[in-house]
Protein backbone atom coordinates (compact mmCIF):
# COMPACT_ATOMS: atom_id res chain seq x y z
CA MET A 1 -36.63 53.97 50.18
CA ILE A 2 -34.00 55.78 48.16
CA LYS A 3 -34.22 53.92 44.88
CA PHE A 4 -31.12 53.27 42.83
CA LEU A 5 -32.96 54.70 39.83
CA ASP A 6 -36.57 55.89 39.85
CA ILE A 7 -37.43 55.47 36.16
CA GLN A 8 -41.10 56.16 36.76
CA LYS A 9 -40.32 59.54 38.33
CA ILE A 10 -37.89 60.40 35.52
CA ASN A 11 -40.55 59.77 32.90
CA GLN A 12 -43.25 61.59 34.85
CA GLN A 13 -41.31 64.82 34.26
CA HIS A 14 -42.29 64.58 30.58
CA SER A 15 -45.58 62.75 31.08
CA GLU A 16 -47.76 65.00 28.94
CA GLU A 17 -45.30 65.11 26.03
CA ILE A 18 -44.80 61.34 26.15
CA HIS A 19 -48.53 60.64 26.22
CA ASN A 20 -49.07 63.00 23.30
CA ALA A 21 -46.27 61.32 21.34
CA VAL A 22 -47.62 57.83 21.96
CA SER A 23 -51.16 58.90 21.07
CA ARG A 24 -49.89 60.45 17.86
CA VAL A 25 -48.34 57.12 16.84
CA ILE A 26 -51.42 55.10 17.78
CA ASP A 27 -53.68 57.46 15.85
CA SER A 28 -51.41 57.42 12.82
CA GLY A 29 -51.86 53.69 12.23
CA TRP A 30 -48.18 53.41 11.25
CA TYR A 31 -46.05 51.53 13.77
CA LEU A 32 -42.75 50.59 12.07
CA LEU A 33 -40.29 52.39 9.76
CA GLY A 34 -42.32 55.58 9.74
CA GLU A 35 -42.04 59.30 10.32
CA GLU A 36 -41.11 59.01 14.02
CA ASN A 37 -38.13 56.81 13.16
CA TYR A 38 -37.10 59.19 10.41
CA GLU A 39 -37.27 62.16 12.78
CA PHE A 40 -35.30 60.48 15.54
CA GLU A 41 -32.61 59.28 13.15
CA LYS A 42 -32.28 62.84 11.85
CA ASN A 43 -32.28 64.40 15.33
CA PHE A 44 -29.91 61.89 16.86
CA SER A 45 -27.38 61.99 14.01
CA GLU A 46 -27.30 65.78 14.30
CA TYR A 47 -26.92 65.55 18.06
CA ILE A 48 -24.04 63.07 17.87
CA GLY A 49 -22.47 64.93 14.95
CA VAL A 50 -22.44 62.22 12.28
CA LYS A 51 -23.98 61.74 8.86
CA HIS A 52 -25.96 58.59 9.62
CA CYS A 53 -28.11 57.13 12.38
CA ILE A 54 -29.83 53.80 11.84
CA ASN A 55 -32.40 52.79 14.45
CA VAL A 56 -32.37 49.16 15.59
CA ALA A 57 -34.12 47.06 18.21
CA ASN A 58 -31.58 47.33 21.05
CA GLY A 59 -27.98 48.10 21.96
CA LEU A 60 -26.73 44.54 21.54
CA ASP A 61 -28.14 44.41 18.01
CA ALA A 62 -26.45 47.71 17.23
CA LEU A 63 -23.03 46.17 17.94
CA ARG A 64 -23.92 42.82 16.35
CA ILE A 65 -25.04 44.44 13.13
CA ILE A 66 -22.00 46.74 12.88
CA LEU A 67 -19.74 43.68 12.94
CA LYS A 68 -22.04 41.73 10.64
CA ALA A 69 -21.94 44.64 8.18
CA TYR A 70 -18.14 44.69 8.22
CA ILE A 71 -18.16 40.97 7.44
CA GLU A 72 -20.67 41.51 4.64
CA LEU A 73 -18.45 44.27 3.22
CA GLY A 74 -15.38 42.04 3.34
CA HIS A 75 -13.51 43.94 6.04
CA MET A 76 -13.70 40.99 8.45
CA GLN A 77 -14.16 37.25 8.30
CA GLU A 78 -14.86 34.43 10.72
CA GLY A 79 -12.02 33.98 13.23
CA ASP A 80 -10.76 37.57 13.04
CA GLU A 81 -9.94 39.23 16.34
CA ILE A 82 -11.63 42.19 18.01
CA ILE A 83 -9.89 43.87 20.95
CA VAL A 84 -12.31 44.69 23.77
CA PRO A 85 -12.00 45.59 27.48
CA ALA A 86 -12.06 42.62 29.84
CA ASN A 87 -14.38 44.32 32.35
CA THR A 88 -17.19 45.25 29.97
CA PHE A 89 -20.83 44.19 30.15
CA ILE A 90 -21.45 40.87 28.44
CA ALA A 91 -23.22 42.48 25.44
CA SER A 92 -19.93 43.75 24.04
CA ILE A 93 -18.59 40.19 24.03
CA LEU A 94 -21.80 38.61 22.74
CA ALA A 95 -21.81 40.91 19.71
CA ILE A 96 -18.34 39.65 18.78
CA THR A 97 -18.84 35.93 19.33
CA ASP A 98 -22.29 35.97 17.68
CA ASN A 99 -20.47 36.91 14.48
CA ARG A 100 -17.94 34.09 14.96
CA LEU A 101 -15.23 36.63 15.65
CA THR A 102 -12.74 36.28 18.49
CA PRO A 103 -12.73 38.68 21.46
CA ILE A 104 -9.27 39.59 22.74
CA LEU A 105 -9.70 40.81 26.30
CA ILE A 106 -7.57 43.72 27.49
CA GLU A 107 -7.29 44.74 31.13
CA PRO A 108 -8.66 48.14 32.17
CA SER A 109 -6.97 50.90 34.12
CA ILE A 110 -7.56 50.47 37.83
CA ILE A 111 -8.02 54.26 38.04
CA THR A 112 -10.46 54.97 35.21
CA TYR A 113 -11.94 51.45 34.72
CA GLN A 114 -11.61 52.07 30.95
CA ILE A 115 -9.51 49.94 28.59
CA ASP A 116 -5.80 50.48 29.29
CA ASP A 117 -4.45 51.88 26.02
CA LYS A 118 -0.88 50.99 27.05
CA LYS A 119 -1.76 47.28 26.87
CA ILE A 120 -3.45 47.23 23.47
CA GLU A 121 -0.53 47.17 21.03
CA ASP A 122 1.02 43.98 22.45
CA ALA A 123 -2.28 42.18 21.75
CA ILE A 124 -2.50 43.19 18.08
CA THR A 125 -1.84 40.38 15.59
CA SER A 126 -2.29 39.84 11.87
CA LYS A 127 -5.87 38.72 12.62
CA THR A 128 -6.82 41.85 14.56
CA LYS A 129 -9.42 43.84 12.65
CA ALA A 130 -10.90 46.25 15.18
CA ILE A 131 -10.72 47.80 18.62
CA MET A 132 -14.04 48.03 20.42
CA ILE A 133 -13.86 50.66 23.12
CA VAL A 134 -16.58 50.73 25.77
CA HIS A 135 -17.40 54.05 27.41
CA LEU A 136 -18.09 52.26 30.68
CA TYR A 137 -20.24 53.88 33.39
CA GLY A 138 -20.64 56.97 31.18
CA GLN A 139 -16.96 57.94 30.93
CA CYS A 140 -15.19 58.50 27.60
CA SER A 141 -12.78 55.66 26.86
CA TYR A 142 -11.28 57.17 23.71
CA THR A 143 -7.65 58.33 23.71
CA GLU A 144 -5.30 59.74 21.10
CA LYS A 145 -3.14 56.66 21.57
CA ILE A 146 -6.02 54.42 20.48
CA LYS A 147 -6.54 56.64 17.43
CA VAL A 148 -2.85 56.29 16.53
CA LEU A 149 -2.96 52.48 16.93
CA CYS A 150 -6.00 52.20 14.65
CA LYS A 151 -4.25 54.22 11.97
CA LYS A 152 -0.92 52.38 12.38
CA TYR A 153 -2.46 48.90 12.07
CA ASP A 154 -5.42 49.80 9.81
CA LEU A 155 -8.00 48.81 12.42
CA LYS A 156 -11.65 49.78 12.64
CA LEU A 157 -12.60 51.65 15.81
CA ILE A 158 -16.02 50.65 17.14
CA GLU A 159 -17.59 52.45 20.09
CA ASP A 160 -19.90 50.74 22.54
CA ASN A 161 -21.70 53.91 23.57
CA ALA A 162 -24.51 52.21 25.47
CA GLN A 163 -23.74 54.06 28.71
CA ALA A 164 -22.29 57.39 27.58
CA VAL A 165 -24.74 59.17 25.31
CA GLY A 166 -24.01 62.91 25.41
CA CYS A 167 -20.44 62.43 26.64
CA ASN A 168 -17.71 64.57 25.07
CA PHE A 169 -14.11 64.20 23.93
CA ASP A 170 -12.79 67.66 23.09
CA THR A 171 -15.33 69.05 20.58
CA TYR A 172 -16.69 65.62 19.61
CA LYS A 173 -19.35 63.45 21.18
CA THR A 174 -18.87 59.77 21.91
CA GLY A 175 -20.56 57.96 19.08
CA ALA A 176 -18.72 60.16 16.56
CA LEU A 177 -15.14 59.25 17.50
CA GLY A 178 -14.73 55.94 15.69
CA ASP A 179 -15.78 54.30 12.45
CA ALA A 180 -19.11 53.23 13.94
CA ALA A 181 -20.88 53.23 17.29
CA GLY A 182 -23.61 51.20 18.94
CA HIS A 183 -26.08 52.95 21.26
CA SER A 184 -28.60 51.57 23.73
CA PHE A 185 -31.82 53.29 24.79
CA TYR A 186 -32.75 50.72 27.42
CA PRO A 187 -35.15 52.44 29.89
CA GLY A 188 -32.47 52.91 32.56
CA LYS A 189 -30.03 54.74 30.27
CA ASN A 190 -29.46 58.50 30.41
CA LEU A 191 -31.55 58.63 27.21
CA GLY A 192 -34.04 55.85 27.85
CA ALA A 193 -37.02 54.60 25.87
CA LEU A 194 -40.00 52.82 27.44
CA GLY A 195 -38.72 49.48 26.21
CA ASP A 196 -35.76 48.16 24.27
CA ALA A 197 -34.31 50.34 21.51
CA GLY A 198 -30.91 51.06 20.00
CA ALA A 199 -29.09 52.77 17.16
CA VAL A 200 -25.94 52.73 15.04
CA THR A 201 -24.14 55.97 14.17
CA THR A 202 -21.44 56.37 11.54
CA ASN A 203 -20.02 58.67 8.88
CA ASP A 204 -19.42 55.73 6.53
CA ASN A 205 -22.04 55.79 3.76
CA GLN A 206 -21.47 52.19 2.68
CA LEU A 207 -21.54 50.86 6.23
CA ALA A 208 -24.73 52.80 6.99
CA GLU A 209 -26.53 51.36 3.99
CA THR A 210 -25.38 47.84 4.84
CA VAL A 211 -26.45 48.19 8.49
CA ARG A 212 -29.88 49.42 7.43
CA ILE A 213 -30.33 46.50 5.02
CA LEU A 214 -29.14 43.92 7.56
CA ALA A 215 -31.49 45.28 10.23
CA ASN A 216 -34.43 44.80 7.87
CA TYR A 217 -34.05 41.10 7.06
CA GLY A 218 -31.30 41.85 4.53
CA SER A 219 -33.73 43.73 2.32
CA LYS A 220 -33.51 47.12 0.63
CA ILE A 221 -36.48 46.53 -1.66
CA LYS A 222 -39.49 44.74 -0.20
CA TYR A 223 -39.36 40.96 -0.71
CA GLU A 224 -35.89 41.16 -2.27
CA PHE A 225 -33.11 39.85 0.02
CA ASN A 226 -29.52 40.45 -1.02
CA CYS A 227 -27.97 39.15 2.22
CA GLN A 228 -28.93 37.18 5.31
CA GLY A 229 -30.13 39.83 7.72
CA LEU A 230 -32.02 40.19 10.99
CA ASN A 231 -35.29 41.64 12.15
CA SER A 232 -34.00 44.52 14.27
CA ARG A 233 -36.16 47.61 14.04
CA MET A 234 -37.13 50.31 16.51
CA ASP A 235 -40.88 50.70 16.71
CA GLU A 236 -42.51 54.06 16.13
CA ILE A 237 -43.62 54.46 19.76
CA GLN A 238 -40.07 54.19 21.08
CA ALA A 239 -38.80 56.59 18.42
CA ALA A 240 -41.49 59.12 19.35
CA ILE A 241 -40.63 58.88 23.05
CA LEU A 242 -36.92 59.29 22.33
CA ASN A 243 -37.66 62.38 20.26
CA VAL A 244 -39.29 63.87 23.35
CA LYS A 245 -36.50 62.94 25.76
CA LEU A 246 -33.56 63.84 23.52
CA LYS A 247 -34.41 67.53 24.02
CA TYR A 248 -33.65 67.22 27.72
CA LEU A 249 -30.55 65.02 27.55
CA ASP A 250 -27.87 67.69 27.91
CA ASN A 251 -29.60 69.26 30.92
CA ASP A 252 -30.10 65.82 32.48
CA ASN A 253 -26.44 64.94 31.98
CA GLU A 254 -25.32 68.23 33.52
CA THR A 255 -27.52 67.52 36.53
CA ARG A 256 -25.93 64.08 36.85
CA ARG A 257 -22.47 65.70 36.79
CA ASN A 258 -23.51 68.05 39.58
CA ARG A 259 -24.82 65.11 41.62
CA ALA A 260 -21.52 63.30 41.07
CA LYS A 261 -19.56 66.38 42.18
CA TYR A 262 -21.66 66.48 45.34
CA TYR A 263 -20.79 62.88 46.15
CA ILE A 264 -17.10 63.41 45.43
CA ASP A 265 -16.94 66.59 47.50
CA ASN A 266 -18.81 65.16 50.48
CA ILE A 267 -17.99 61.46 50.82
CA HIS A 268 -15.07 61.16 53.21
CA ASN A 269 -14.46 57.58 54.21
CA SER A 270 -11.10 55.85 53.91
CA ASN A 271 -12.88 52.59 53.03
CA ILE A 272 -14.28 54.13 49.84
CA ILE A 273 -12.36 54.81 46.62
CA LEU A 274 -14.15 57.54 44.67
CA PRO A 275 -14.09 58.08 40.89
CA GLN A 276 -11.25 60.22 39.59
CA VAL A 277 -12.43 62.77 37.04
CA ASN A 278 -9.94 64.69 34.91
CA ASP A 279 -12.47 66.16 32.48
CA TRP A 280 -16.04 66.62 33.65
CA ASN A 281 -17.31 66.95 30.08
CA ALA A 282 -15.93 63.46 29.38
CA HIS A 283 -18.27 61.78 31.88
CA VAL A 284 -22.07 61.70 31.99
CA PHE A 285 -22.30 59.46 35.08
CA HIS A 286 -24.69 56.85 33.84
CA LEU A 287 -23.39 55.15 36.96
CA PHE A 288 -21.57 56.54 39.98
CA VAL A 289 -19.18 53.72 40.83
CA VAL A 290 -17.06 53.51 43.96
CA ARG A 291 -14.75 50.74 45.13
CA THR A 292 -14.22 49.15 48.51
CA ASN A 293 -12.76 45.93 49.86
CA LYS A 294 -15.64 45.87 52.34
CA ARG A 295 -18.38 45.71 49.74
CA ASP A 296 -20.84 43.42 51.52
CA GLU A 297 -20.62 45.45 54.71
CA VAL A 298 -21.08 48.75 52.90
CA ILE A 299 -24.07 47.48 50.91
CA ASN A 300 -25.66 46.01 54.05
CA ASN A 301 -25.17 49.32 55.83
CA LEU A 302 -26.80 51.23 52.98
CA SER A 303 -29.65 48.72 52.86
CA SER A 304 -30.27 49.19 56.59
CA LYS A 305 -31.07 52.83 55.79
CA ASP A 306 -33.33 51.85 52.87
CA ILE A 307 -30.77 52.93 50.28
CA GLN A 308 -30.66 50.78 47.17
CA ALA A 309 -27.15 50.23 45.78
CA LEU A 310 -26.28 47.85 42.95
CA ILE A 311 -23.24 46.07 41.51
CA HIS A 312 -22.35 46.66 37.83
CA TYR A 313 -21.21 43.93 37.31
CA PRO A 314 -20.50 41.18 39.86
CA ILE A 315 -19.02 38.60 37.45
CA PRO A 316 -16.57 39.52 34.65
CA PRO A 317 -17.12 38.01 31.18
CA HIS A 318 -14.23 35.56 31.46
CA LYS A 319 -15.81 34.02 34.58
CA GLN A 320 -19.25 33.56 33.05
CA LYS A 321 -20.57 30.05 32.33
CA ALA A 322 -21.41 31.17 28.79
CA TYR A 323 -17.66 31.49 28.16
CA SER A 324 -16.47 28.53 30.18
CA GLY A 325 -13.42 28.15 27.94
CA TRP A 326 -12.05 31.32 29.51
CA ASN A 327 -12.82 30.40 33.12
CA ASN A 328 -9.19 29.61 33.94
CA SER A 329 -7.96 32.87 32.40
CA LYS A 330 -6.48 35.47 34.71
CA TYR A 331 -7.41 39.13 34.48
CA PRO A 332 -6.54 40.32 38.00
CA ILE A 333 -7.38 44.00 37.51
CA SER A 334 -10.79 43.22 36.05
CA GLU A 335 -11.44 40.72 38.82
CA LYS A 336 -10.48 43.28 41.47
CA ILE A 337 -12.83 45.83 39.96
CA HIS A 338 -15.72 43.36 39.68
CA ASN A 339 -15.15 42.23 43.28
CA GLU A 340 -15.05 45.73 44.79
CA ILE A 341 -17.37 48.05 42.89
CA ILE A 342 -20.65 49.50 44.15
CA SER A 343 -22.98 51.75 42.15
CA LEU A 344 -24.58 54.43 44.32
CA PRO A 345 -27.96 56.00 43.49
CA ILE A 346 -27.59 58.78 40.92
CA SER A 347 -29.95 60.37 38.44
CA GLN A 348 -31.27 63.73 37.35
CA ILE A 349 -34.14 63.47 39.83
CA ILE A 350 -32.41 62.32 43.03
CA THR A 351 -32.86 65.08 45.61
CA GLU A 352 -30.22 66.77 47.75
CA GLU A 353 -31.97 65.40 50.83
CA GLU A 354 -31.66 61.85 49.48
CA MET A 355 -28.02 62.40 48.58
CA ASN A 356 -27.33 63.73 52.07
CA ILE A 357 -28.69 60.50 53.52
CA VAL A 358 -26.46 58.45 51.19
CA VAL A 359 -23.41 60.56 52.08
CA ASP A 360 -24.07 60.45 55.83
CA THR A 361 -24.62 56.69 55.73
CA ILE A 362 -21.35 56.06 53.91
CA ASN A 363 -19.37 58.50 56.05
CA SER A 364 -20.68 56.92 59.24
CA PHE A 365 -19.66 53.45 58.12
CA SER A 366 -16.59 51.99 59.82
CA ASN A 367 -15.36 48.42 60.06
């Protein structure tokens, strides 16, 4: 079988270093808030190009705590509005509603699948406090127009960088473009831990301190609690593993770009709409997403050749039972995307032979 993502094989590349890192933590007897966390925060902040990195338990918590910190600092209050793309993964929405803030869904571009910056300004009201951009599938969602809107209306810019670590915009990396960014190191990410892990990056000293306090029960000094926080901490083992894998991230992302170029250059089927890439540095291809109005047939055809393809994501947020109040809302572009997308196998370890099989299978499909 050609797996969608062979995480075991990816990690086996660094098996000795990972085992040594884990053993070092076990032998140290220190499993939380220790030297490994300190080192990863230092390394990752330098990599992203920001002053602060605060490790947390997962990517959802990273976004939740950013918003919670802004509320704690008085920049937001219950009922305020956060603009967010309508076709994002549910975590972006959960982070907003968990803080009793109101998501304002904006349709994406049918070409890039990123938030359509031409549709944002009409949605801004006196209650709008932030724009949350989501670098979906590994492609940079930031635009100069979004920057101008944030300045014009005094809005915070929050990046959901769960899928785009290592992605560039001009000379900056995603995660350093806005006021704060949430990162996920879920095992399947381009920079993946061996369990859940996440981080917040920012250049804002006050926000960084507040995020760190909130992630540790609301405590800066042990047993003193100045605010109502959470327990959201990255354990030392995950930090140690991420320190190993961070060294290889740029090479891995470049390999993913080359794999994506191979697909784009070699898939020739009128049923398939391929990604359009204007700047290869602005995409790290966490996912290689194509569209087709014959999705079931294409997936069945791939499956018949033992090729595993997935759908990210089959149901948009406004159609989820968890947000039943939105179920009658209409977001036709998002719905079209969610109804037609297929994620093909891509990673830094997929072989040319495997890619040839995927390409030949898709090119031979007709219906």
